Amino acid sequence: MKKKYIFSATLSVIGIIVLSLIILNFNSVSNLFAQSSIGASKAPVEQNAQVDALNNAFVSASQAVLPTVVSINVEIELSGRKSPFHDQFEDFFEFFGIPKGEGEEQGKRRSEGSGSGVIISSNGYIVTNNHVVENAVSISVKTYDKKEYKAELIGTDPHTDLALIKIDAKDLPVAHLADIDDVRIGEWVIAVGNPLGLNSTITSGIVSAIGRGGLSLSRDRDGYSIENFIQTDAAINPGNSGGGLFNLNGSLVGINTAIATRTGTYIGYGFAIPIDLVRAVALDLMDDGKINRGYIGVSIRTIDEVDAKTLGLEKVEGALVHNVLKDSPAEKSGLESGDVILEVDGKTISTSNELQSRLVLKRAGDKVNLTIWRDGKKINKNVKLEPRDGEAEELASKGDDDKEELSSTVEFEQLGFTVESLSKDIKDKFDVKQGAYVSKIKRYSLAEQRGLSPNGVITKADRKDIKSPSDLKKIINSKKSGETILLHLKYKDQTRIVAFEMP
């Protein structure tokens, strides 16, 4: 009996232990299951079809345009001493897209820079910013599929900050070019590029304004620039330059070129070159690598409210003609100082930069019809456009002596300054009978470094009298690299001597 009791008790204990183990294992399994079911069972908000459609529009546009945007790396040759801080902060500078030095040799050093570009033809033409490829000794391109190519520089246009390069490739994805007349203030856009070394980055925003000008953002720094930007609040940073601004249809509306900033990085607004200007410049450069741009030969500014009231205009719009250049198309067509240009070929002109953007689409030899406000009434003038500056100089260099005499402006691009013929007012102001008037100086150019400043008259070069810009051009063009030239200048209150070593 005692043994039977002990056996029963033992079975009971074993049963309790087994049951406890089963319960413990069950709890462990339950806990494990509970741990694998974290988070809420569904999203707290279920968006409507319109929001889903907008999200899908951004996704679709992004996926469509990414393959058309490339990364551009350049090697640049710089002259002058390296900054003592350059080596210390070299990696920091490189991160923000600032050229990274690679050493010095005989006063020159190689640096690297980066930017973006947009493929505009299946056989390898790519549009980018002039300041991305300026002074480059080699250009390389990386496409979205990680393939790398050496690129050839086809041509540049510093006045619009655009450039065209080409890679040896076929069947590339090509951006669709929008119609500028369809671009609207307030519409969604996406900026695509390679900011701060981060390839294939997309940011979004809206078109904040159209026709922004007068910002002095031109990279050629010679005082003449064509500014008629699309403004956007899509984030644009160093490295985005040359990348695309696209609408939600995936069409290219502009080339990102600049930002409004006090820090060097994005603080709210960016600017893109409008697609109509991009198309015109690209086709011109694709044709022969040069810009065949026409000009009318006037200095202008935007009409303000006081001007409109004084001149009897009904609306505050138009471009006021300050000055008409001698022997220019404008003078030949009868334009006068004080005229207000209201229309070009029937299209209203609201600002001076809008007039520039209309004319920049024309080539030398084209005719335009201008609606002018003069003496309280509208009149029409037909103007045949002629080459400006460099283009006129090129014609002259080919032996057309008459054309050279007609050119009243000469630009010395390598030195960084522009001269003009003397008007009667300038002769009287500076008490000179002949010379070449320094009208423009490029910032950071050799001319600026050597102390040349605008608003002075060059009277002698190498102690030879200068009668006209053509005289100065002949002397400078005769110089070889490394040779020097001595300029005598007369300013309003002083005279100055400036020496150059030819680059």
Protein backbone atom coordinates (compact mmCIF):
# COMPACT_ATOMS: atom_id res chain seq x y z
CA MET A 1 0.00 0.00 0.00
CA LYS A 2 2.80 2.33 0.91
CA LYS A 3 4.63 1.49 -2.33
CA LYS A 4 1.49 2.17 -4.36
CA TYR A 5 1.13 5.58 -2.68
CA ILE A 6 4.74 6.47 -3.42
CA PHE A 7 4.34 5.44 -7.09
CA SER A 8 1.19 7.53 -7.46
CA ALA A 9 2.86 10.53 -5.88
CA THR A 10 5.84 10.17 -8.19
CA LEU A 11 3.58 10.05 -11.27
CA SER A 12 1.78 13.16 -10.04
CA VAL A 13 5.07 15.07 -9.63
CA ILE A 14 6.25 13.98 -13.07
CA GLY A 15 2.91 15.05 -14.55
CA ILE A 16 3.15 18.44 -12.89
CA ILE A 17 6.70 18.92 -14.22
CA VAL A 18 5.70 17.89 -17.75
CA LEU A 19 2.66 20.16 -17.68
CA SER A 20 4.79 23.04 -16.44
CA LEU A 21 7.26 22.52 -19.28
CA ILE A 22 4.42 22.47 -21.79
CA ILE A 23 2.99 25.68 -20.37
CA LEU A 24 6.43 27.36 -20.39
CA ASN A 25 7.08 26.32 -23.98
CA PHE A 26 3.64 27.54 -25.02
CA ASN A 27 4.29 30.89 -23.38
CA SER A 28 7.65 31.12 -25.15
CA VAL A 29 6.04 30.40 -28.49
CA SER A 30 3.31 32.92 -27.74
CA ASN A 31 5.89 35.56 -26.77
CA LEU A 32 7.89 34.87 -29.89
CA PHE A 33 4.76 35.24 -32.03
CA ALA A 34 3.85 38.43 -30.20
CA GLN A 35 7.35 39.85 -30.79
CA SER A 36 7.12 39.17 -34.55
CA SER A 37 3.87 41.14 -34.82
CA ILE A 38 5.14 44.65 -33.99
CA GLY A 39 3.64 47.85 -35.41
CA ALA A 40 0.09 48.79 -36.23
CA SER A 41 -1.90 46.62 -38.56
CA LYS A 42 -2.47 49.41 -41.12
CA ALA A 43 -1.44 52.97 -42.01
CA PRO A 44 -3.16 55.65 -39.93
CA VAL A 45 -4.22 57.63 -43.03
CA GLU A 46 -5.50 56.28 -46.32
CA GLN A 47 -4.87 58.88 -49.01
CA ASN A 48 -7.39 59.57 -51.71
CA ALA A 49 -6.86 58.83 -55.40
CA GLN A 50 -5.69 62.38 -56.16
CA VAL A 51 -2.78 62.19 -53.70
CA ASP A 52 -1.82 58.75 -54.97
CA ALA A 53 -1.89 60.09 -58.51
CA LEU A 54 0.43 62.99 -57.55
CA ASN A 55 2.86 60.63 -55.84
CA ASN A 56 2.84 58.36 -58.85
CA ALA A 57 3.44 61.37 -61.13
CA PHE A 58 6.62 62.26 -59.23
CA VAL A 59 7.79 58.65 -59.25
CA SER A 60 7.08 58.18 -62.97
CA ALA A 61 8.73 61.46 -63.97
CA SER A 62 11.79 60.73 -61.83
CA GLN A 63 12.27 57.25 -63.25
CA ALA A 64 11.84 58.55 -66.80
CA VAL A 65 14.34 61.43 -66.63
CA LEU A 66 17.13 59.99 -64.47
CA PRO A 67 18.78 58.14 -67.41
CA THR A 68 19.00 61.39 -69.42
CA VAL A 69 21.12 63.23 -66.82
CA VAL A 70 24.87 62.60 -66.61
CA SER A 71 27.67 63.36 -64.19
CA ILE A 72 30.52 65.47 -65.59
CA ASN A 73 34.06 65.59 -64.19
CA VAL A 74 36.68 67.98 -65.53
CA GLU A 75 40.37 68.53 -65.11
CA ILE A 76 41.27 72.18 -65.03
CA GLU A 77 44.61 73.91 -65.39
CA LEU A 78 44.98 76.86 -63.03
CA SER A 79 47.76 79.40 -62.87
CA GLY A 80 49.15 81.16 -59.81
CA ARG A 81 50.14 80.14 -56.29
CA LYS A 82 48.17 77.64 -54.30
CA SER A 83 46.53 78.96 -51.18
CA PRO A 84 48.45 77.97 -48.00
CA PHE A 85 45.13 76.60 -46.73
CA HIS A 86 44.48 74.53 -49.86
CA ASP A 87 46.12 71.28 -48.71
CA GLN A 88 44.65 71.49 -45.23
CA PHE A 89 41.07 71.79 -46.45
CA GLU A 90 41.39 69.97 -49.77
CA ASP A 91 38.96 67.17 -48.91
CA PHE A 92 36.47 69.69 -47.52
CA PHE A 93 36.57 71.71 -50.74
CA GLU A 94 36.20 68.58 -52.88
CA PHE A 95 33.02 67.55 -51.04
CA PHE A 96 31.37 70.82 -51.97
CA GLY A 97 32.32 70.57 -55.64
CA ILE A 98 35.21 73.04 -55.42
CA PRO A 99 38.20 72.03 -57.58
CA LYS A 100 40.76 69.84 -55.81
CA GLY A 101 44.41 70.65 -56.58
CA GLU A 102 46.92 68.09 -57.73
CA GLY A 103 50.20 69.97 -57.40
CA GLU A 104 52.13 72.78 -59.01
CA GLU A 105 54.44 72.94 -61.95
CA GLN A 106 55.99 76.17 -63.25
CA GLY A 107 53.26 78.29 -61.70
CA LYS A 108 50.45 76.03 -62.96
CA ARG A 109 48.47 73.33 -61.21
CA ARG A 110 45.83 70.83 -62.16
CA SER A 111 42.51 70.76 -60.36
CA GLU A 112 39.29 68.81 -60.62
CA GLY A 113 35.71 70.00 -60.78
CA SER A 114 32.33 68.42 -61.27
CA GLY A 115 28.85 69.16 -62.52
CA SER A 116 25.94 67.72 -64.45
CA GLY A 117 24.64 67.59 -68.01
CA VAL A 118 21.57 66.53 -69.99
CA ILE A 119 21.63 64.25 -73.04
CA ILE A 120 19.85 65.95 -75.95
CA SER A 121 20.64 63.54 -78.79
CA SER A 122 20.94 59.75 -79.00
CA ASN A 123 24.40 60.02 -80.60
CA GLY A 124 25.99 61.75 -77.63
CA TYR A 125 25.39 65.52 -77.57
CA ILE A 126 25.10 66.80 -73.99
CA VAL A 127 24.21 70.32 -72.86
CA THR A 128 25.72 71.72 -69.65
CA ASN A 129 26.87 75.01 -68.14
CA ASN A 130 29.82 76.91 -69.53
CA HIS A 131 31.19 77.34 -66.01
CA VAL A 132 31.28 73.56 -65.56
CA VAL A 133 33.67 72.99 -68.47
CA GLU A 134 35.39 76.39 -68.62
CA ASN A 135 39.20 76.06 -68.86
CA ALA A 136 38.95 72.27 -68.83
CA VAL A 137 41.87 70.32 -70.32
CA SER A 138 39.92 67.05 -70.13
CA ILE A 139 36.25 66.19 -69.67
CA SER A 140 34.79 62.84 -68.63
CA VAL A 141 31.15 61.81 -68.46
CA LYS A 142 29.47 59.09 -66.42
CA THR A 143 26.01 58.04 -67.55
CA TYR A 144 23.21 56.73 -65.33
CA ASP A 145 24.14 53.12 -66.14
CA LYS A 146 27.66 53.75 -64.71
CA LYS A 147 29.42 53.81 -68.08
CA GLU A 148 32.26 56.32 -68.44
CA TYR A 149 33.25 58.26 -71.56
CA LYS A 150 35.77 60.88 -72.59
CA ALA A 151 33.97 63.97 -73.89
CA GLU A 152 34.81 66.49 -76.57
CA LEU A 153 34.02 70.18 -76.07
CA ILE A 154 31.95 71.28 -79.07
CA GLY A 155 31.46 74.93 -78.13
CA THR A 156 30.57 77.40 -75.39
CA ASP A 157 28.46 80.52 -74.95
CA PRO A 158 29.64 82.47 -71.88
CA HIS A 159 26.89 85.07 -72.28
CA THR A 160 24.22 82.45 -71.53
CA ASP A 161 26.50 80.18 -69.44
CA LEU A 162 25.77 77.24 -71.74
CA ALA A 163 28.12 74.72 -73.33
CA LEU A 164 27.81 71.69 -75.60
CA ILE A 165 29.93 68.55 -75.25
CA LYS A 166 29.81 65.19 -77.05
CA ILE A 167 30.62 61.60 -76.17
CA ASP A 168 31.17 58.72 -78.59
CA ALA A 169 28.03 56.67 -77.93
CA LYS A 170 24.85 55.49 -79.64
CA ASP A 171 21.24 54.87 -78.70
CA LEU A 172 21.42 57.02 -75.58
CA PRO A 173 18.24 58.01 -73.70
CA VAL A 174 17.30 61.55 -74.74
CA ALA A 175 15.50 64.28 -72.81
CA HIS A 176 12.26 65.62 -74.26
CA LEU A 177 12.38 69.41 -74.64
CA ALA A 178 9.33 71.27 -73.37
CA ASP A 179 7.66 74.29 -74.99
CA ILE A 180 8.58 77.38 -72.97
CA ASP A 181 5.12 78.84 -73.60
CA ASP A 182 3.63 75.92 -71.64
CA VAL A 183 5.72 76.58 -68.50
CA ARG A 184 3.55 78.08 -65.77
CA ILE A 185 4.29 79.79 -62.47
CA GLY A 186 3.27 77.47 -59.64
CA GLU A 187 3.61 74.17 -61.51
CA TRP A 188 5.58 71.30 -59.95
CA VAL A 189 9.11 70.66 -61.22
CA ILE A 190 11.97 68.34 -60.31
CA ALA A 191 15.68 69.21 -60.41
CA VAL A 192 18.00 66.35 -61.37
CA GLY A 193 21.75 66.39 -60.99
CA ASN A 194 24.77 65.45 -58.90
CA PRO A 195 24.95 67.90 -55.99
CA LEU A 196 27.77 67.70 -53.44
CA GLY A 197 29.09 64.53 -55.07
CA LEU A 198 25.78 62.67 -54.64
CA ASN A 199 25.01 61.20 -58.06
CA SER A 200 21.51 61.04 -59.53
CA THR A 201 19.81 63.21 -56.93
CA ILE A 202 16.25 64.44 -57.40
CA THR A 203 14.70 67.39 -55.57
CA SER A 204 11.28 68.92 -56.09
CA GLY A 205 9.66 72.32 -55.97
CA ILE A 206 7.59 74.67 -58.05
CA VAL A 207 8.25 77.29 -60.70
CA SER A 208 8.54 80.38 -58.50
CA ALA A 209 8.92 82.94 -61.29
CA ILE A 210 9.60 83.24 -65.01
CA GLY A 211 11.77 85.86 -66.68
CA ARG A 212 14.07 86.66 -63.76
CA GLY A 213 16.84 89.00 -64.87
CA GLY A 214 19.20 91.67 -63.63
CA LEU A 215 20.79 89.26 -61.15
CA SER A 216 24.39 89.63 -62.45
CA LEU A 217 24.84 85.87 -62.31
CA SER A 218 26.67 85.60 -65.65
CA ARG A 219 29.89 83.59 -65.41
CA ASP A 220 31.61 85.51 -68.24
CA ARG A 221 31.81 88.58 -65.97
CA ASP A 222 32.31 91.04 -68.83
CA GLY A 223 29.28 93.14 -68.02
CA TYR A 224 27.15 91.68 -70.83
CA SER A 225 24.99 88.70 -70.01
CA ILE A 226 21.67 87.24 -71.09
CA GLU A 227 19.52 86.62 -68.04
CA ASN A 228 15.94 85.48 -68.33
CA PHE A 229 15.84 82.69 -65.76
CA ILE A 230 13.20 80.33 -64.53
CA GLN A 231 13.23 80.63 -60.74
CA THR A 232 12.45 77.55 -58.64
CA ASP A 233 12.46 76.53 -55.00
CA ALA A 234 13.63 72.99 -55.84
CA ALA A 235 16.87 72.48 -53.90
CA ILE A 236 19.91 73.16 -56.11
CA ASN A 237 23.47 72.88 -54.76
CA PRO A 238 27.04 72.88 -56.12
CA GLY A 239 27.24 69.97 -58.55
CA ASN A 240 23.69 70.52 -59.81
CA SER A 241 25.06 72.98 -62.37
CA GLY A 242 24.21 71.83 -65.89
CA GLY A 243 21.57 69.39 -64.70
CA GLY A 244 17.96 69.44 -65.78
CA LEU A 245 14.82 71.07 -64.46
CA PHE A 246 11.89 68.89 -65.58
CA ASN A 247 8.11 69.13 -65.33
CA LEU A 248 5.95 66.21 -64.21
CA ASN A 249 5.53 65.11 -67.82
CA GLY A 250 9.28 64.45 -67.80
CA SER A 251 9.96 67.28 -70.26
CA LEU A 252 13.06 69.45 -69.85
CA VAL A 253 12.06 73.04 -69.06
CA GLY A 254 15.50 74.43 -68.21
CA ILE A 255 19.15 73.87 -67.33
CA ASN A 256 20.00 74.55 -63.68
CA THR A 257 22.75 77.13 -63.47
CA ALA A 258 22.80 79.18 -60.25
CA ILE A 259 21.50 79.62 -56.74
CA ALA A 260 20.65 82.61 -54.58
CA THR A 261 22.91 82.10 -51.58
CA ARG A 262 25.08 83.71 -48.94
CA THR A 263 26.65 80.41 -47.91
CA GLY A 264 27.51 78.71 -51.21
CA THR A 265 24.73 76.17 -50.74
CA TYR A 266 20.96 76.12 -51.12
CA ILE A 267 18.93 78.58 -49.05
CA GLY A 268 15.67 78.68 -50.96
CA TYR A 269 15.88 79.65 -54.63
CA GLY A 270 17.60 78.39 -57.73
CA PHE A 271 17.69 79.58 -61.32
CA ALA A 272 17.49 77.66 -64.59
CA ILE A 273 18.17 78.76 -68.16
CA PRO A 274 14.85 78.45 -70.05
CA ILE A 275 14.49 75.71 -72.62
CA ASP A 276 13.92 78.00 -75.61
CA LEU A 277 17.32 79.59 -75.02
CA VAL A 278 18.91 76.18 -74.40
CA ARG A 279 17.49 74.87 -77.68
CA ALA A 280 18.71 77.87 -79.71
CA VAL A 281 22.24 77.82 -78.28
CA ALA A 282 22.59 74.03 -78.58
CA LEU A 283 21.50 74.01 -82.22
CA ASP A 284 23.89 76.88 -83.00
CA LEU A 285 26.83 75.12 -81.34
CA MET A 286 25.89 71.80 -82.91
CA ASP A 287 25.97 73.45 -86.34
CA ASP A 288 29.56 74.72 -86.28
CA GLY A 289 30.67 75.05 -82.65
CA LYS A 290 30.08 78.80 -82.68
CA ILE A 291 27.34 81.25 -81.77
CA ASN A 292 26.01 83.24 -84.70
CA ARG A 293 23.99 85.63 -82.57
CA GLY A 294 22.56 88.86 -83.92
CA TYR A 295 22.44 92.15 -82.06
CA ILE A 296 20.81 95.51 -82.62
CA GLY A 297 23.34 97.73 -80.84
CA VAL A 298 21.53 99.52 -78.03
CA SER A 299 21.97 99.84 -74.28
CA ILE A 300 18.67 99.37 -72.48
CA ARG A 301 16.93 99.12 -69.14
CA THR A 302 13.48 98.12 -67.93
CA ILE A 303 10.80 100.80 -67.79
CA ASP A 304 9.66 101.70 -64.26
CA GLU A 305 6.58 103.58 -63.06
CA VAL A 306 8.21 107.00 -63.18
CA ASP A 307 9.46 106.37 -66.73
CA ALA A 308 6.02 105.25 -67.86
CA LYS A 309 4.38 108.32 -66.38
CA THR A 310 6.96 110.68 -67.85
CA LEU A 311 6.76 109.15 -71.32
CA GLY A 312 2.97 108.84 -71.34
CA LEU A 313 2.85 105.05 -71.46
CA GLU A 314 -0.40 103.37 -70.46
CA LYS A 315 1.39 100.36 -68.92
CA VAL A 316 4.64 99.97 -67.00
CA GLU A 317 6.36 97.77 -69.56
CA GLY A 318 8.96 97.94 -72.27
CA ALA A 319 12.72 98.50 -72.62
CA LEU A 320 14.02 102.07 -72.58
CA VAL A 321 16.84 102.75 -75.05
CA HIS A 322 19.65 104.60 -73.25
CA ASN A 323 22.15 104.73 -76.06
CA VAL A 324 22.40 103.73 -79.72
CA LEU A 325 25.82 102.50 -80.78
CA LYS A 326 27.42 104.17 -83.76
CA ASP A 327 27.11 102.26 -87.05
CA SER A 328 24.98 99.63 -85.31
CA PRO A 329 21.87 98.03 -86.84
CA ALA A 330 19.77 100.17 -84.51
CA GLU A 331 21.32 103.40 -85.77
CA LYS A 332 20.98 102.29 -89.40
CA SER A 333 17.28 101.53 -88.77
CA GLY A 334 16.58 104.90 -87.18
CA LEU A 335 16.32 104.00 -83.47
CA GLU A 336 17.04 106.85 -81.10
CA SER A 337 17.98 107.33 -77.48
CA GLY A 338 14.76 107.71 -75.48
CA ASP A 339 12.78 105.24 -77.59
CA VAL A 340 10.88 102.52 -75.75
CA ILE A 341 10.82 99.07 -77.36
CA LEU A 342 7.35 97.63 -76.69
CA GLU A 343 7.20 94.61 -79.02
CA VAL A 344 9.43 92.29 -81.03
CA ASP A 345 7.68 90.66 -83.99
CA GLY A 346 4.33 91.35 -82.38
CA LYS A 347 5.23 89.87 -78.96
CA THR A 348 5.02 92.19 -75.97
CA ILE A 349 8.23 93.14 -74.18
CA SER A 350 7.79 93.70 -70.45
CA THR A 351 11.43 93.99 -69.35
CA SER A 352 14.87 94.56 -70.82
CA ASN A 353 15.93 90.97 -70.12
CA GLU A 354 12.84 89.76 -71.97
CA LEU A 355 13.97 91.81 -74.98
CA GLN A 356 17.39 90.17 -74.73
CA SER A 357 15.86 86.72 -74.55
CA ARG A 358 13.76 87.40 -77.66
CA LEU A 359 16.68 88.69 -79.69
CA VAL A 360 19.09 85.99 -78.56
CA LEU A 361 16.98 83.43 -80.44
CA LYS A 362 17.78 85.27 -83.68
CA ARG A 363 20.85 84.94 -85.84
CA ALA A 364 22.94 87.59 -87.55
CA GLY A 365 21.23 88.44 -90.83
CA ASP A 366 17.71 87.91 -89.47
CA LYS A 367 15.23 90.80 -89.61
CA VAL A 368 13.01 91.76 -86.67
CA ASN A 369 10.12 94.17 -86.48
CA LEU A 370 10.22 96.45 -83.45
CA THR A 371 7.24 98.39 -82.13
CA ILE A 372 8.62 101.63 -80.70
CA TRP A 373 7.07 104.26 -78.43
CA ARG A 374 8.30 107.72 -79.40
CA ASP A 375 6.80 111.16 -78.78
CA GLY A 376 3.52 109.75 -77.49
CA LYS A 377 2.80 107.33 -80.33
CA LYS A 378 3.72 103.89 -81.63
CA ILE A 379 5.89 103.45 -84.70
CA ASN A 380 7.46 100.38 -86.33
CA LYS A 381 11.09 99.83 -87.25
CA ASN A 382 12.54 96.92 -89.19
CA VAL A 383 16.05 96.04 -88.04
CA LYS A 384 18.49 93.67 -89.72
CA LEU A 385 20.61 92.04 -87.03
CA GLU A 386 24.39 91.94 -87.32
CA PRO A 387 27.11 89.95 -85.50
CA ARG A 388 28.14 91.35 -82.14
CA ASP A 389 31.62 91.64 -80.65
CA GLY A 390 33.57 88.41 -81.17
CA GLU A 391 31.65 87.44 -84.28
CA ALA A 392 32.38 90.79 -85.94
CA GLU A 393 36.05 90.47 -84.94
CA GLU A 394 36.22 87.04 -86.54
CA LEU A 395 34.88 88.41 -89.82
CA ALA A 396 37.44 91.19 -89.66
CA SER A 397 40.29 88.76 -89.02
CA LYS A 398 39.41 87.00 -92.26
CA GLY A 399 40.42 90.05 -94.25
CA ASP A 400 37.28 92.15 -94.35
CA ASP A 401 38.90 95.49 -93.49
CA ASP A 402 35.66 97.41 -93.94
CA LYS A 403 33.90 95.19 -91.39
CA GLU A 404 36.69 95.81 -88.86
CA GLU A 405 36.31 99.54 -89.19
CA LEU A 406 32.57 99.23 -88.62
CA SER A 407 33.10 97.21 -85.42
CA SER A 408 33.04 99.73 -82.58
CA THR A 409 33.60 97.12 -79.85
CA VAL A 410 36.50 94.70 -79.40
CA GLU A 411 36.68 92.05 -76.66
CA PHE A 412 40.02 90.64 -75.50
CA GLU A 413 38.72 87.45 -73.97
CA GLN A 414 42.03 86.03 -72.71
CA LEU A 415 42.99 89.28 -70.99
CA GLY A 416 39.47 89.92 -69.73
CA PHE A 417 38.46 93.35 -70.95
CA THR A 418 36.45 95.06 -73.68
CA VAL A 419 37.09 98.37 -75.44
CA GLU A 420 34.89 100.62 -77.55
CA SER A 421 35.32 103.50 -79.94
CA LEU A 422 35.29 106.97 -78.42
CA SER A 423 32.05 108.90 -78.62
CA LYS A 424 32.05 112.70 -78.66
CA ASP A 425 30.93 112.72 -75.03
CA ILE A 426 33.83 110.50 -73.97
CA LYS A 427 36.33 112.61 -75.88
CA ASP A 428 35.03 115.73 -74.16
CA LYS A 429 34.87 114.08 -70.74
CA PHE A 430 38.46 112.80 -70.85
CA ASP A 431 39.85 115.63 -72.99
CA VAL A 432 41.26 113.26 -75.61
CA LYS A 433 41.02 113.16 -79.39
CA GLN A 434 41.63 109.45 -79.91
CA GLY A 435 42.02 106.16 -78.09
CA ALA A 436 40.02 103.10 -77.01
CA TYR A 437 37.49 103.32 -74.19
CA VAL A 438 37.65 100.51 -71.59
CA SER A 439 33.98 99.64 -71.15
CA LYS A 440 34.03 96.25 -69.39
CA ILE A 441 36.32 94.24 -67.12
CA LYS A 442 35.77 90.58 -66.32
CA ARG A 443 35.89 89.79 -62.64
CA TYR A 444 38.87 87.63 -61.60
CA SER A 445 40.44 88.13 -65.03
CA LEU A 446 44.06 88.96 -65.80
CA ALA A 447 43.02 92.55 -66.53
CA GLU A 448 41.50 92.92 -63.07
CA GLN A 449 44.50 91.29 -61.41
CA ARG A 450 46.87 93.74 -63.12
CA GLY A 451 44.85 96.75 -61.97
CA LEU A 452 42.95 97.65 -65.13
CA SER A 453 39.57 99.20 -64.35
CA PRO A 454 36.69 100.32 -66.57
CA ASN A 455 35.73 103.86 -67.58
CA GLY A 456 39.15 104.90 -68.79
CA VAL A 457 40.75 105.57 -72.19
CA ILE A 458 43.76 103.63 -73.50
CA THR A 459 45.85 106.25 -75.27
CA LYS A 460 49.02 104.25 -75.95
CA ALA A 461 50.15 100.64 -76.20
CA ASP A 462 53.90 99.97 -76.15
CA ARG A 463 54.30 103.75 -76.49
CA LYS A 464 52.43 103.77 -79.79
CA ASP A 465 49.42 106.04 -80.13
CA ILE A 466 46.06 104.25 -80.14
CA LYS A 467 43.53 105.83 -82.47
CA SER A 468 40.81 103.17 -82.27
CA PRO A 469 39.98 99.72 -80.87
CA SER A 470 41.31 98.26 -84.12
CA ASP A 471 44.77 99.75 -83.44
CA LEU A 472 44.84 98.16 -80.00
CA LYS A 473 43.63 94.85 -81.40
CA LYS A 474 46.43 94.72 -83.98
CA ILE A 475 49.09 95.30 -81.33
CA ILE A 476 47.69 92.75 -78.88
CA ASN A 477 47.13 90.15 -81.60
CA SER A 478 50.78 90.51 -82.64
CA LYS A 479 51.95 89.38 -79.19
CA LYS A 480 53.00 85.83 -78.47
CA SER A 481 52.53 83.93 -75.24
CA GLY A 482 54.95 85.25 -72.61
CA GLU A 483 55.52 88.61 -74.34
CA THR A 484 54.51 91.80 -72.53
CA ILE A 485 52.54 94.89 -73.41
CA LEU A 486 52.46 98.30 -71.71
CA LEU A 487 49.23 100.31 -71.71
CA HIS A 488 48.86 104.02 -70.96
CA LEU A 489 45.43 104.92 -69.64
CA LYS A 490 43.71 108.17 -68.88
CA TYR A 491 40.93 108.28 -66.30
CA LYS A 492 38.89 111.28 -65.27
CA ASP A 493 41.13 112.25 -62.37
CA GLN A 494 44.37 110.38 -63.06
CA THR A 495 46.56 108.54 -65.54
CA ARG A 496 47.74 104.99 -65.10
CA ILE A 497 50.17 102.54 -66.67
CA VAL A 498 49.33 98.85 -66.73
CA ALA A 499 51.61 96.05 -67.92
CA PHE A 500 50.47 92.60 -69.06
CA GLU A 501 52.25 89.35 -69.76
CA MET A 502 50.38 87.61 -72.52
CA PRO A 503 48.83 84.29 -71.44
